[in-house]
């Protein structure tokens, strides 16, 4: 979304958490980041009291930041890092918007939706749960839509067919351990690329020369494009990144996601004939390998899933969000921030 705004000559700045992934990624991409000390409200009374104090201070700091930057619109994307900025923007009379990625809205977005112009949603299910909801889809980086299988294979140094496994930015220990056991014991007639996440990487090993374990890949589109089958959790970002490339997928929703939103996300794709579902309780080495090889062996099934996956992608989502923000900013003060 920020890239789309910048292409339209808008000034873009981020407000986020000092401990979040944005602390590294946002400056790397050339955007200004105002990083705040924040904490979640989980834990005992002392932890919650500390989080409340940090939140109150963050609202005050966000107000100062917004008064200096003078944006024409503010967008929140959920989570405790965006709530202070949304509240401060509302207090200053700045048009505020939310984007809800998941099919089941998070607590912050459910509360913040009362104070915003519109809530821009990815899934139809979320549209029914939020006030002033507008469906736009999931903003997805342009690189996924332009990724090629040949370039991906060359970059990874693997031969087709390729199975890609990943659990999102944080990894997925159960899936990682099952995959290492399923594919790491001896050579397979297909390549396996396992993106483990940095947390689990040191725990994994393989004896299979066609099994590549990677801690993290900041150009994930190459790995997705190289693959014939993708096994992944069901976070909205991962789902729509894969949809943009169009690959047959086996979805393993994280069972402890808030509101079981990953299962609901996954069902949108499985009911659309775009993916297969594998529940977390079914994940063990033998079952995982059987499911993967069954899909590799069924070309018609695989191609149908891939085709339907691509049909569910939302290539215009980032531009639609940018258009709405700029329209509000121009109506407010003629600005492009």
C-alpha atoms as a PDB file:
ATOM      1  CA  UNK A   1       0.000   0.000   0.000  1.00  0.00           C
ATOM      2  CA  UNK A   2       2.851   2.348   0.819  1.00  0.00           C
ATOM      3  CA  UNK A   3       4.483   1.616  -2.539  1.00  0.00           C
ATOM      4  CA  UNK A   4       1.224   2.385  -4.330  1.00  0.00           C
ATOM      5  CA  UNK A   5       0.890   5.666  -2.453  1.00  0.00           C
ATOM      6  CA  UNK A   6       4.477   6.649  -3.171  1.00  0.00           C
ATOM      7  CA  UNK A   7       3.955   5.956  -6.877  1.00  0.00           C
ATOM      8  CA  UNK A   8       1.180   8.565  -6.706  1.00  0.00           C
ATOM      9  CA  UNK A   9       3.639  11.129  -5.265  1.00  0.00           C
ATOM     10  CA  UNK A  10       2.244  10.862  -1.740  1.00  0.00           C
ATOM     11  CA  UNK A  11       4.419  11.320   1.338  1.00  0.00           C
ATOM     12  CA  UNK A  12       4.163   8.190   3.502  1.00  0.00           C
ATOM     13  CA  UNK A  13       5.294   7.638   7.082  1.00  0.00           C
ATOM     14  CA  UNK A  14       4.795   4.657   9.381  1.00  0.00           C
ATOM     15  CA  UNK A  15       4.014   4.468  13.081  1.00  0.00           C
ATOM     16  CA  UNK A  16       4.803   1.105  14.644  1.00  0.00           C
ATOM     17  CA  UNK A  17       6.297  -0.795  17.525  1.00  0.00           C
ATOM     18  CA  UNK A  18       9.971  -0.787  18.492  1.00  0.00           C
ATOM     19  CA  UNK A  19       9.829  -4.584  18.872  1.00  0.00           C
ATOM     20  CA  UNK A  20       7.808  -5.391  15.738  1.00  0.00           C
ATOM     21  CA  UNK A  21       9.064  -6.654  12.395  1.00  0.00           C
ATOM     22  CA  UNK A  22       8.462  -3.161  11.014  1.00  0.00           C
ATOM     23  CA  UNK A  23      11.460  -1.867  12.986  1.00  0.00           C
ATOM     24  CA  UNK A  24      13.722  -3.479  10.376  1.00  0.00           C
ATOM     25  CA  UNK A  25      11.569  -3.775   7.266  1.00  0.00           C
ATOM     26  CA  UNK A  26      10.196  -0.236   7.018  1.00  0.00           C
ATOM     27  CA  UNK A  27      13.568   1.619   7.026  1.00  0.00           C
ATOM     28  CA  UNK A  28      14.995  -1.000   4.635  1.00  0.00           C
ATOM     29  CA  UNK A  29      12.306  -0.028   2.120  1.00  0.00           C
ATOM     30  CA  UNK A  30      13.100   3.661   2.435  1.00  0.00           C
ATOM     31  CA  UNK A  31      10.108   4.802   4.468  1.00  0.00           C
ATOM     32  CA  UNK A  32      10.161   6.917   7.618  1.00  0.00           C
ATOM     33  CA  UNK A  33       9.256   4.977  10.774  1.00  0.00           C
ATOM     34  CA  UNK A  34       8.207   6.406  14.120  1.00  0.00           C
ATOM     35  CA  UNK A  35       8.817   3.446  16.451  1.00  0.00           C
ATOM     36  CA  UNK A  36       7.038   3.452  19.802  1.00  0.00           C
ATOM     37  CA  UNK A  37       7.652   1.371  22.955  1.00  0.00           C
ATOM     38  CA  UNK A  38       4.503  -0.756  23.163  1.00  0.00           C
ATOM     39  CA  UNK A  39       3.404  -4.019  24.746  1.00  0.00           C
ATOM     40  CA  UNK A  40       0.404  -6.313  24.419  1.00  0.00           C
ATOM     41  CA  UNK A  41      -2.231  -6.490  27.143  1.00  0.00           C
ATOM     42  CA  UNK A  42      -1.701 -10.201  27.884  1.00  0.00           C
ATOM     43  CA  UNK A  43      -0.316 -11.332  31.226  1.00  0.00           C
ATOM     44  CA  UNK A  44      -0.961 -10.482  34.847  1.00  0.00           C
ATOM     45  CA  UNK A  45      -2.069  -7.202  36.447  1.00  0.00           C
ATOM     46  CA  UNK A  46       1.419  -5.679  36.469  1.00  0.00           C
ATOM     47  CA  UNK A  47       2.017  -6.478  32.786  1.00  0.00           C
ATOM     48  CA  UNK A  48      -1.394  -5.106  31.830  1.00  0.00           C
ATOM     49  CA  UNK A  49      -0.832  -1.946  33.857  1.00  0.00           C
ATOM     50  CA  UNK A  50       2.517  -1.391  32.141  1.00  0.00           C
ATOM     51  CA  UNK A  51       0.930  -1.982  28.723  1.00  0.00           C
ATOM     52  CA  UNK A  52      -1.817   0.520  29.560  1.00  0.00           C
ATOM     53  CA  UNK A  53       0.734   3.165  30.554  1.00  0.00           C
ATOM     54  CA  UNK A  54       2.751   2.610  27.374  1.00  0.00           C
ATOM     55  CA  UNK A  55      -0.442   2.828  25.328  1.00  0.00           C
ATOM     56  CA  UNK A  56      -1.474   6.146  26.883  1.00  0.00           C
ATOM     57  CA  UNK A  57       1.977   7.583  26.246  1.00  0.00           C
ATOM     58  CA  UNK A  58       1.849   6.255  22.672  1.00  0.00           C
ATOM     59  CA  UNK A  59      -1.420   8.079  21.984  1.00  0.00           C
ATOM     60  CA  UNK A  60       0.175  11.323  23.170  1.00  0.00           C
ATOM     61  CA  UNK A  61       3.299  10.717  21.051  1.00  0.00           C
ATOM     62  CA  UNK A  62       1.165   9.857  18.023  1.00  0.00           C
ATOM     63  CA  UNK A  63      -0.693  13.105  18.402  1.00  0.00           C
ATOM     64  CA  UNK A  64       2.613  15.009  18.372  1.00  0.00           C
ATOM     65  CA  UNK A  65       3.819  13.054  15.321  1.00  0.00           C
ATOM     66  CA  UNK A  66       0.598  13.673  13.409  1.00  0.00           C
ATOM     67  CA  UNK A  67       0.570  17.379  14.255  1.00  0.00           C
ATOM     68  CA  UNK A  68       4.093  17.674  12.808  1.00  0.00           C
ATOM     69  CA  UNK A  69       3.519  15.461   9.759  1.00  0.00           C
ATOM     70  CA  UNK A  70      -0.004  16.809   9.082  1.00  0.00           C
ATOM     71  CA  UNK A  71      -1.294  13.838   7.083  1.00  0.00           C
ATOM     72  CA  UNK A  72      -4.466  14.017   5.046  1.00  0.00           C
ATOM     73  CA  UNK A  73      -5.420  10.488   6.072  1.00  0.00           C
ATOM     74  CA  UNK A  74      -4.331   7.723   8.461  1.00  0.00           C
ATOM     75  CA  UNK A  75      -4.602   3.975   7.877  1.00  0.00           C
ATOM     76  CA  UNK A  76      -4.531   1.384  10.664  1.00  0.00           C
ATOM     77  CA  UNK A  77      -3.840  -2.262   9.886  1.00  0.00           C
ATOM     78  CA  UNK A  78      -4.776  -3.825  13.222  1.00  0.00           C
ATOM     79  CA  UNK A  79      -2.761  -4.824  16.245  1.00  0.00           C
ATOM     80  CA  UNK A  80      -1.870  -2.794  19.303  1.00  0.00           C
ATOM     81  CA  UNK A  81       0.744  -0.810  17.357  1.00  0.00           C
ATOM     82  CA  UNK A  82      -1.843   0.873  15.138  1.00  0.00           C
ATOM     83  CA  UNK A  83      -4.508   1.697  17.721  1.00  0.00           C
ATOM     84  CA  UNK A  84      -2.736   4.738  19.274  1.00  0.00           C
ATOM     85  CA  UNK A  85      -2.308   6.354  15.860  1.00  0.00           C
ATOM     86  CA  UNK A  86      -5.950   5.750  14.923  1.00  0.00           C
ATOM     87  CA  UNK A  87      -7.170   7.277  18.198  1.00  0.00           C
ATOM     88  CA  UNK A  88      -4.847  10.273  17.894  1.00  0.00           C
ATOM     89  CA  UNK A  89      -5.901  10.862  14.293  1.00  0.00           C
ATOM     90  CA  UNK A  90      -9.554  10.723  15.252  1.00  0.00           C
ATOM     91  CA  UNK A  91      -8.986  13.255  18.040  1.00  0.00           C
ATOM     92  CA  UNK A  92      -7.308  15.607  15.552  1.00  0.00           C
ATOM     93  CA  UNK A  93     -10.106  15.243  13.004  1.00  0.00           C
ATOM     94  CA  UNK A  94      -7.935  13.446  10.451  1.00  0.00           C
ATOM     95  CA  UNK A  95      -9.830  10.956   8.246  1.00  0.00           C
ATOM     96  CA  UNK A  96      -8.976   7.470   9.483  1.00  0.00           C
ATOM     97  CA  UNK A  97      -9.309   4.112   7.762  1.00  0.00           C
ATOM     98  CA  UNK A  98      -8.625   0.503   8.741  1.00  0.00           C
ATOM     99  CA  UNK A  99      -7.593  -2.499   6.718  1.00  0.00           C
ATOM    100  CA  UNK A 100      -8.689  -5.855   8.135  1.00  0.00           C
ATOM    101  CA  UNK A 101      -6.655  -8.706   6.660  1.00  0.00           C
ATOM    102  CA  UNK A 102      -8.410 -11.687   8.170  1.00  0.00           C
ATOM    103  CA  UNK A 103     -11.843 -13.218   7.840  1.00  0.00           C
ATOM    104  CA  UNK A 104     -12.494 -12.796  11.577  1.00  0.00           C
ATOM    105  CA  UNK A 105     -11.681  -9.216  12.661  1.00  0.00           C
ATOM    106  CA  UNK A 106      -9.216  -8.728  15.472  1.00  0.00           C
ATOM    107  CA  UNK A 107     -10.205  -7.052  18.726  1.00  0.00           C
ATOM    108  CA  UNK A 108      -8.371  -3.802  17.946  1.00  0.00           C
ATOM    109  CA  UNK A 109     -10.050  -3.392  14.582  1.00  0.00           C
ATOM    110  CA  UNK A 110     -13.485  -4.249  15.999  1.00  0.00           C
ATOM    111  CA  UNK A 111     -13.095  -1.463  18.546  1.00  0.00           C
ATOM    112  CA  UNK A 112     -11.354   1.008  16.251  1.00  0.00           C
ATOM    113  CA  UNK A 113     -13.951   0.543  13.505  1.00  0.00           C
ATOM    114  CA  UNK A 114     -16.288   2.764  15.530  1.00  0.00           C
ATOM    115  CA  UNK A 115     -13.981   5.718  14.939  1.00  0.00           C
ATOM    116  CA  UNK A 116     -13.075   5.349  11.261  1.00  0.00           C
ATOM    117  CA  UNK A 117     -14.423   6.492   7.917  1.00  0.00           C
ATOM    118  CA  UNK A 118     -14.318   3.003   6.413  1.00  0.00           C
ATOM    119  CA  UNK A 119     -12.973  -0.452   7.197  1.00  0.00           C
ATOM    120  CA  UNK A 120     -11.366  -1.950   4.090  1.00  0.00           C
ATOM    121  CA  UNK A 121     -11.641  -5.737   4.245  1.00  0.00           C
ATOM    122  CA  UNK A 122     -10.051  -8.709   2.530  1.00  0.00           C
ATOM    123  CA  UNK A 123     -12.622 -11.463   3.105  1.00  0.00           C
ATOM    124  CA  UNK A 124     -16.416 -11.360   2.593  1.00  0.00           C
ATOM    125  CA  UNK A 125     -16.905 -12.854   6.066  1.00  0.00           C
ATOM    126  CA  UNK A 126     -15.278  -9.805   7.691  1.00  0.00           C
ATOM    127  CA  UNK A 127     -17.520  -7.467   5.720  1.00  0.00           C
ATOM    128  CA  UNK A 128     -20.508  -8.794   7.667  1.00  0.00           C
ATOM    129  CA  UNK A 129     -18.839  -8.284  11.045  1.00  0.00           C
ATOM    130  CA  UNK A 130     -17.689  -4.655  10.805  1.00  0.00           C
ATOM    131  CA  UNK A 131     -19.356  -1.293  10.437  1.00  0.00           C
ATOM    132  CA  UNK A 132     -18.788   0.691   7.245  1.00  0.00           C
ATOM    133  CA  UNK A 133     -16.935  -2.256   5.698  1.00  0.00           C
ATOM    134  CA  UNK A 134     -15.787  -2.010   2.084  1.00  0.00           C
ATOM    135  CA  UNK A 135     -14.341  -5.075   0.287  1.00  0.00           C
ATOM    136  CA  UNK A 136     -11.008  -4.356  -1.410  1.00  0.00           C
ATOM    137  CA  UNK A 137      -9.065  -7.633  -1.034  1.00  0.00           C
ATOM    138  CA  UNK A 138      -5.539  -8.139   0.257  1.00  0.00           C
ATOM    139  CA  UNK A 139      -2.817  -5.717  -0.885  1.00  0.00           C
ATOM    140  CA  UNK A 140      -0.034  -7.841  -2.368  1.00  0.00           C
ATOM    141  CA  UNK A 141       3.428  -6.868  -3.559  1.00  0.00           C
ATOM    142  CA  UNK A 142       3.715  -6.545  -7.325  1.00  0.00           C
ATOM    143  CA  UNK A 143       6.697  -8.917  -7.396  1.00  0.00           C
ATOM    144  CA  UNK A 144       4.413 -11.888  -6.705  1.00  0.00           C
ATOM    145  CA  UNK A 145       2.296 -11.184  -9.778  1.00  0.00           C
ATOM    146  CA  UNK A 146       5.365 -10.965 -11.999  1.00  0.00           C
ATOM    147  CA  UNK A 147       7.325 -13.922 -10.590  1.00  0.00           C
ATOM    148  CA  UNK A 148       8.434 -16.663 -12.994  1.00  0.00           C
ATOM    149  CA  UNK A 149       9.082 -20.344 -12.347  1.00  0.00           C
ATOM    150  CA  UNK A 150      12.342 -20.304 -14.325  1.00  0.00           C
ATOM    151  CA  UNK A 151      13.775 -17.383 -12.355  1.00  0.00           C
ATOM    152  CA  UNK A 152      12.697 -18.933  -9.076  1.00  0.00           C
ATOM    153  CA  UNK A 153      14.309 -22.286  -9.861  1.00  0.00           C
ATOM    154  CA  UNK A 154      17.544 -20.581 -10.906  1.00  0.00           C
ATOM    155  CA  UNK A 155      17.693 -18.402  -7.799  1.00  0.00           C
ATOM    156  CA  UNK A 156      17.086 -21.317  -5.433  1.00  0.00           C
ATOM    157  CA  UNK A 157      19.330 -23.703  -7.354  1.00  0.00           C
ATOM    158  CA  UNK A 158      16.792 -26.543  -7.354  1.00  0.00           C
ATOM    159  CA  UNK A 159      15.268 -28.857  -9.954  1.00  0.00           C
ATOM    160  CA  UNK A 160      11.521 -29.283 -10.474  1.00  0.00           C
ATOM    161  CA  UNK A 161       9.136 -30.403  -9.243  1.00  0.00           C
ATOM    162  CA  UNK A 162       9.429 -28.350  -6.066  1.00  0.00           C
ATOM    163  CA  UNK A 163       7.491 -28.562  -2.814  1.00  0.00           C
ATOM    164  CA  UNK A 164       7.578 -25.354  -0.751  1.00  0.00           C
ATOM    165  CA  UNK A 165       6.798 -25.381   2.967  1.00  0.00           C
ATOM    166  CA  UNK A 166       6.586 -22.285   5.120  1.00  0.00           C
ATOM    167  CA  UNK A 167       4.758 -21.140   8.213  1.00  0.00           C
ATOM    168  CA  UNK A 168       4.728 -17.378   7.801  1.00  0.00           C
ATOM    169  CA  UNK A 169       7.224 -14.868   9.187  1.00  0.00           C
ATOM    170  CA  UNK A 170       7.314 -16.520  12.618  1.00  0.00           C
ATOM    171  CA  UNK A 171       7.595 -20.096  11.412  1.00  0.00           C
ATOM    172  CA  UNK A 172       5.498 -23.039  12.633  1.00  0.00           C
ATOM    173  CA  UNK A 173       7.317 -25.539  14.854  1.00  0.00           C
ATOM    174  CA  UNK A 174       4.938 -28.485  14.457  1.00  0.00           C
ATOM    175  CA  UNK A 175       4.905 -28.143  10.687  1.00  0.00           C
ATOM    176  CA  UNK A 176       8.681 -27.625  10.600  1.00  0.00           C
ATOM    177  CA  UNK A 177       9.438 -30.749  12.632  1.00  0.00           C
ATOM    178  CA  UNK A 178       7.035 -32.895  10.629  1.00  0.00           C
ATOM    179  CA  UNK A 179       8.504 -31.668   7.345  1.00  0.00           C
ATOM    180  CA  UNK A 180      12.082 -32.284   8.465  1.00  0.00           C
ATOM    181  CA  UNK A 181      11.150 -35.857   9.380  1.00  0.00           C
ATOM    182  CA  UNK A 182       9.021 -36.428   6.279  1.00  0.00           C
ATOM    183  CA  UNK A 183      11.538 -35.230   3.704  1.00  0.00           C
ATOM    184  CA  UNK A 184      14.926 -35.189   5.462  1.00  0.00           C
ATOM    185  CA  UNK A 185      15.698 -38.886   5.811  1.00  0.00           C
ATOM    186  CA  UNK A 186      16.774 -39.693   2.258  1.00  0.00           C
ATOM    187  CA  UNK A 187      16.661 -38.394  -1.299  1.00  0.00           C
ATOM    188  CA  UNK A 188      13.224 -37.639  -2.732  1.00  0.00           C
ATOM    189  CA  UNK A 189      12.260 -37.623  -6.432  1.00  0.00           C
ATOM    190  CA  UNK A 190      11.309 -33.952  -6.024  1.00  0.00           C
ATOM    191  CA  UNK A 191      12.930 -30.909  -4.444  1.00  0.00           C
ATOM    192  CA  UNK A 192      11.780 -29.592  -1.071  1.00  0.00           C
ATOM    193  CA  UNK A 193      12.322 -25.986  -0.017  1.00  0.00           C
ATOM    194  CA  UNK A 194      11.489 -25.439   3.644  1.00  0.00           C
ATOM    195  CA  UNK A 195      11.473 -21.855   4.923  1.00  0.00           C
ATOM    196  CA  UNK A 196      11.535 -22.478   8.653  1.00  0.00           C
ATOM    197  CA  UNK A 197      11.593 -19.025  10.208  1.00  0.00           C
ATOM    198  CA  UNK A 198      14.597 -17.884  12.218  1.00  0.00           C
ATOM    199  CA  UNK A 199      13.219 -19.191  15.506  1.00  0.00           C
ATOM    200  CA  UNK A 200      13.156 -22.873  14.459  1.00  0.00           C
ATOM    201  CA  UNK A 201      16.046 -22.989  11.997  1.00  0.00           C
ATOM    202  CA  UNK A 202      18.707 -24.273  14.420  1.00  0.00           C
ATOM    203  CA  UNK A 203      16.486 -27.205  15.451  1.00  0.00           C
ATOM    204  CA  UNK A 204      16.195 -28.621  11.941  1.00  0.00           C
ATOM    205  CA  UNK A 205      18.475 -30.752   9.798  1.00  0.00           C
ATOM    206  CA  UNK A 206      18.260 -32.943   6.703  1.00  0.00           C
ATOM    207  CA  UNK A 207      20.198 -35.729   5.005  1.00  0.00           C
ATOM    208  CA  UNK A 208      18.300 -35.280   1.741  1.00  0.00           C
ATOM    209  CA  UNK A 209      20.400 -33.497  -0.916  1.00  0.00           C
ATOM    210  CA  UNK A 210      17.180 -32.264  -2.523  1.00  0.00           C
ATOM    211  CA  UNK A 211      15.840 -30.819   0.742  1.00  0.00           C
ATOM    212  CA  UNK A 212      16.870 -27.198   1.289  1.00  0.00           C
ATOM    213  CA  UNK A 213      16.117 -25.586   4.679  1.00  0.00           C
ATOM    214  CA  UNK A 214      16.220 -21.784   4.750  1.00  0.00           C
ATOM    215  CA  UNK A 215      15.705 -19.599   7.829  1.00  0.00           C
ATOM    216  CA  UNK A 216      14.103 -16.656   6.018  1.00  0.00           C
ATOM    217  CA  UNK A 217      13.620 -15.344   2.500  1.00  0.00           C
ATOM    218  CA  UNK A 218      12.747 -11.691   1.986  1.00  0.00           C
ATOM    219  CA  UNK A 219      12.023 -12.372  -1.690  1.00  0.00           C
ATOM    220  CA  UNK A 220       9.500 -15.138  -1.130  1.00  0.00           C
ATOM    221  CA  UNK A 221       7.970 -14.743  -4.576  1.00  0.00           C
ATOM    222  CA  UNK A 222      10.874 -16.664  -6.102  1.00  0.00           C
ATOM    223  CA  UNK A 223      10.234 -19.704  -3.912  1.00  0.00           C
ATOM    224  CA  UNK A 224       6.484 -19.633  -4.542  1.00  0.00           C
ATOM    225  CA  UNK A 225       6.988 -19.301  -8.292  1.00  0.00           C
ATOM    226  CA  UNK A 226       9.462 -22.215  -8.331  1.00  0.00           C
ATOM    227  CA  UNK A 227       7.015 -24.534  -6.573  1.00  0.00           C
ATOM    228  CA  UNK A 228       4.434 -27.006  -7.828  1.00  0.00           C
ATOM    229  CA  UNK A 229       2.883 -27.520  -4.381  1.00  0.00           C
ATOM    230  CA  UNK A 230       2.891 -25.127  -1.405  1.00  0.00           C
ATOM    231  CA  UNK A 231       2.259 -26.220   2.191  1.00  0.00           C
ATOM    232  CA  UNK A 232       1.632 -23.302   4.527  1.00  0.00           C
ATOM    233  CA  UNK A 233      -0.255 -21.800   7.425  1.00  0.00           C
ATOM    234  CA  UNK A 234      -3.314 -19.734   6.551  1.00  0.00           C
ATOM    235  CA  UNK A 235      -2.405 -16.165   7.409  1.00  0.00           C
ATOM    236  CA  UNK A 236      -3.964 -13.727   4.975  1.00  0.00           C
ATOM    237  CA  UNK A 237      -0.638 -12.430   3.660  1.00  0.00           C
ATOM    238  CA  UNK A 238       0.692 -15.889   2.853  1.00  0.00           C
ATOM    239  CA  UNK A 239      -2.561 -16.929   1.201  1.00  0.00           C
ATOM    240  CA  UNK A 240      -2.804 -13.965  -1.123  1.00  0.00           C
ATOM    241  CA  UNK A 241       0.921 -13.964  -1.912  1.00  0.00           C
ATOM    242  CA  UNK A 242       0.492 -17.536  -3.125  1.00  0.00           C
ATOM    243  CA  UNK A 243      -2.734 -16.683  -4.934  1.00  0.00           C
ATOM    244  CA  UNK A 244      -0.927 -13.926  -6.837  1.00  0.00           C
ATOM    245  CA  UNK A 245       1.459 -16.520  -8.273  1.00  0.00           C
ATOM    246  CA  UNK A 246      -1.196 -19.213  -8.594  1.00  0.00           C
ATOM    247  CA  UNK A 247       0.036 -22.444  -6.987  1.00  0.00           C
ATOM    248  CA  UNK A 248      -1.719 -25.555  -5.686  1.00  0.00           C
ATOM    249  CA  UNK A 249      -1.661 -25.437  -1.895  1.00  0.00           C
ATOM    250  CA  UNK A 250      -2.238 -27.461   1.233  1.00  0.00           C
ATOM    251  CA  UNK A 251      -3.337 -25.163   4.050  1.00  0.00           C
ATOM    252  CA  UNK A 252      -2.593 -25.974   7.690  1.00  0.00           C
ATOM    253  CA  UNK A 253      -4.341 -23.311   9.798  1.00  0.00           C
ATOM    254  CA  UNK A 254      -2.726 -22.350  13.096  1.00  0.00           C
ATOM    255  CA  UNK A 255      -5.258 -23.687  15.617  1.00  0.00           C
ATOM    256  CA  UNK A 256      -4.686 -21.017  18.272  1.00  0.00           C
ATOM    257  CA  UNK A 257      -5.196 -17.963  16.075  1.00  0.00           C
ATOM    258  CA  UNK A 258      -7.585 -15.407  17.568  1.00  0.00           C
ATOM    259  CA  UNK A 259     -11.157 -16.284  16.704  1.00  0.00           C
ATOM    260  CA  UNK A 260      -9.814 -19.293  14.768  1.00  0.00           C
ATOM    261  CA  UNK A 261      -9.376 -16.818  11.931  1.00  0.00           C
ATOM    262  CA  UNK A 262      -6.826 -18.929  10.059  1.00  0.00           C
ATOM    263  CA  UNK A 263      -9.339 -21.752   9.676  1.00  0.00           C
ATOM    264  CA  UNK A 264     -11.908 -19.291   8.330  1.00  0.00           C
ATOM    265  CA  UNK A 265      -9.294 -17.801   6.002  1.00  0.00           C
ATOM    266  CA  UNK A 266      -8.446 -21.283   4.734  1.00  0.00           C
ATOM    267  CA  UNK A 267     -12.056 -22.239   4.145  1.00  0.00           C
ATOM    268  CA  UNK A 268     -12.518 -19.291   1.801  1.00  0.00           C
ATOM    269  CA  UNK A 269      -9.882 -20.872  -0.435  1.00  0.00           C
ATOM    270  CA  UNK A 270     -10.857 -24.507   0.009  1.00  0.00           C
ATOM    271  CA  UNK A 271     -14.517 -23.748  -0.673  1.00  0.00           C
ATOM    272  CA  UNK A 272     -13.401 -21.890  -3.781  1.00  0.00           C
ATOM    273  CA  UNK A 273     -11.639 -25.005  -5.072  1.00  0.00           C
ATOM    274  CA  UNK A 274      -8.247 -23.320  -4.697  1.00  0.00           C
ATOM    275  CA  UNK A 275      -6.565 -25.357  -1.952  1.00  0.00           C
ATOM    276  CA  UNK A 276      -6.724 -28.468   0.208  1.00  0.00           C
ATOM    277  CA  UNK A 277      -7.181 -28.339   3.984  1.00  0.00           C
ATOM    278  CA  UNK A 278      -5.020 -30.212   6.490  1.00  0.00           C
ATOM    279  CA  UNK A 279      -5.877 -29.626  10.142  1.00  0.00           C
ATOM    280  CA  UNK A 280      -3.047 -29.093  12.605  1.00  0.00           C
ATOM    281  CA  UNK A 281      -4.011 -32.284  14.464  1.00  0.00           C
ATOM    282  CA  UNK A 282      -3.369 -34.277  11.283  1.00  0.00           C
ATOM    283  CA  UNK A 283       0.182 -33.018  10.896  1.00  0.00           C
ATOM    284  CA  UNK A 284       2.750 -35.788  11.259  1.00  0.00           C
ATOM    285  CA  UNK A 285       5.522 -36.905   8.947  1.00  0.00           C
ATOM    286  CA  UNK A 286       3.792 -39.784   7.174  1.00  0.00           C
ATOM    287  CA  UNK A 287       0.499 -37.984   6.596  1.00  0.00           C
ATOM    288  CA  UNK A 288       2.239 -34.849   5.397  1.00  0.00           C
ATOM    289  CA  UNK A 289       4.344 -36.745   2.880  1.00  0.00           C
ATOM    290  CA  UNK A 290       1.320 -38.713   1.632  1.00  0.00           C
ATOM    291  CA  UNK A 291      -0.690 -35.530   1.073  1.00  0.00           C
ATOM    292  CA  UNK A 292       2.154 -33.809  -0.744  1.00  0.00           C
ATOM    293  CA  UNK A 293       2.937 -36.770  -2.990  1.00  0.00           C
ATOM    294  CA  UNK A 294      -0.733 -37.351  -3.723  1.00  0.00           C
ATOM    295  CA  UNK A 295      -0.991 -33.826  -5.075  1.00  0.00           C
ATOM    296  CA  UNK A 296       2.277 -34.060  -6.987  1.00  0.00           C
ATOM    297  CA  UNK A 297       1.007 -37.226  -8.683  1.00  0.00           C
ATOM    298  CA  UNK A 298      -2.328 -35.688  -9.736  1.00  0.00           C
ATOM    299  CA  UNK A 299      -1.546 -33.121 -12.429  1.00  0.00           C
ATOM    300  CA  UNK A 300      -5.183 -32.328 -13.251  1.00  0.00           C
ATOM    301  CA  UNK A 301      -6.033 -31.712  -9.605  1.00  0.00           C
ATOM    302  CA  UNK A 302      -2.911 -29.612  -9.105  1.00  0.00           C
ATOM    303  CA  UNK A 303      -3.535 -27.458 -12.158  1.00  0.00           C
ATOM    304  CA  UNK A 304      -7.169 -26.902 -11.189  1.00  0.00           C
ATOM    305  CA  UNK A 305      -6.218 -25.756  -7.700  1.00  0.00           C
ATOM    306  CA  UNK A 306      -3.546 -23.451  -9.090  1.00  0.00           C
ATOM    307  CA  UNK A 307      -5.957 -21.913 -11.575  1.00  0.00           C
ATOM    308  CA  UNK A 308      -8.598 -21.299  -8.913  1.00  0.00           C
ATOM    309  CA  UNK A 309      -5.962 -19.960  -6.513  1.00  0.00           C
ATOM    310  CA  UNK A 310      -4.898 -17.326  -9.024  1.00  0.00           C
ATOM    311  CA  UNK A 311      -8.548 -16.400  -9.645  1.00  0.00           C
ATOM    312  CA  UNK A 312      -8.923 -15.461  -5.958  1.00  0.00           C
ATOM    313  CA  UNK A 313      -5.981 -13.048  -5.989  1.00  0.00           C
ATOM    314  CA  UNK A 314      -6.695  -9.327  -5.641  1.00  0.00           C
ATOM    315  CA  UNK A 315      -4.208  -7.461  -7.858  1.00  0.00           C
ATOM    316  CA  UNK A 316      -5.987  -4.112  -7.489  1.00  0.00           C
ATOM    317  CA  UNK A 317      -6.256  -4.092  -3.692  1.00  0.00           C
ATOM    318  CA  UNK A 318      -3.247  -1.891  -2.896  1.00  0.00           C
ATOM    319  CA  UNK A 319      -4.258   0.652  -5.520  1.00  0.00           C
ATOM    320  CA  UNK A 320      -7.858   0.719  -4.277  1.00  0.00           C
ATOM    321  CA  UNK A 321      -6.686   1.447  -0.735  1.00  0.00           C
ATOM    322  CA  UNK A 322      -4.323   4.161  -2.012  1.00  0.00           C
ATOM    323  CA  UNK A 323      -7.106   5.747  -4.052  1.00  0.00           C
ATOM    324  CA  UNK A 324      -9.410   5.959  -1.038  1.00  0.00           C
ATOM    325  CA  UNK A 325      -6.730   7.453   1.201  1.00  0.00           C
ATOM    326  CA  UNK A 326      -5.695  10.045  -1.368  1.00  0.00           C
ATOM    327  CA  UNK A 327      -9.296  10.974  -2.080  1.00  0.00           C
ATOM    328  CA  UNK A 328      -9.858  11.606   1.624  1.00  0.00           C
ATOM    329  CA  UNK A 329      -6.591  13.521   1.960  1.00  0.00           C
ATOM    330  CA  UNK A 330      -7.370  15.744  -0.998  1.00  0.00           C
ATOM    331  CA  UNK A 331     -10.885  16.472   0.271  1.00  0.00           C
ATOM    332  CA  UNK A 332      -9.537  17.340   3.725  1.00  0.00           C
ATOM    333  CA  UNK A 333      -6.699  19.736   2.936  1.00  0.00           C
ATOM    334  CA  UNK A 334      -5.615  19.282  -0.651  1.00  0.00           C
ATOM    335  CA  UNK A 335      -2.523  17.406   0.540  1.00  0.00           C
ATOM    336  CA  UNK A 336      -0.867  14.214  -0.608  1.00  0.00           C
ATOM    337  CA  UNK A 337       0.350  12.882   2.733  1.00  0.00           C
END
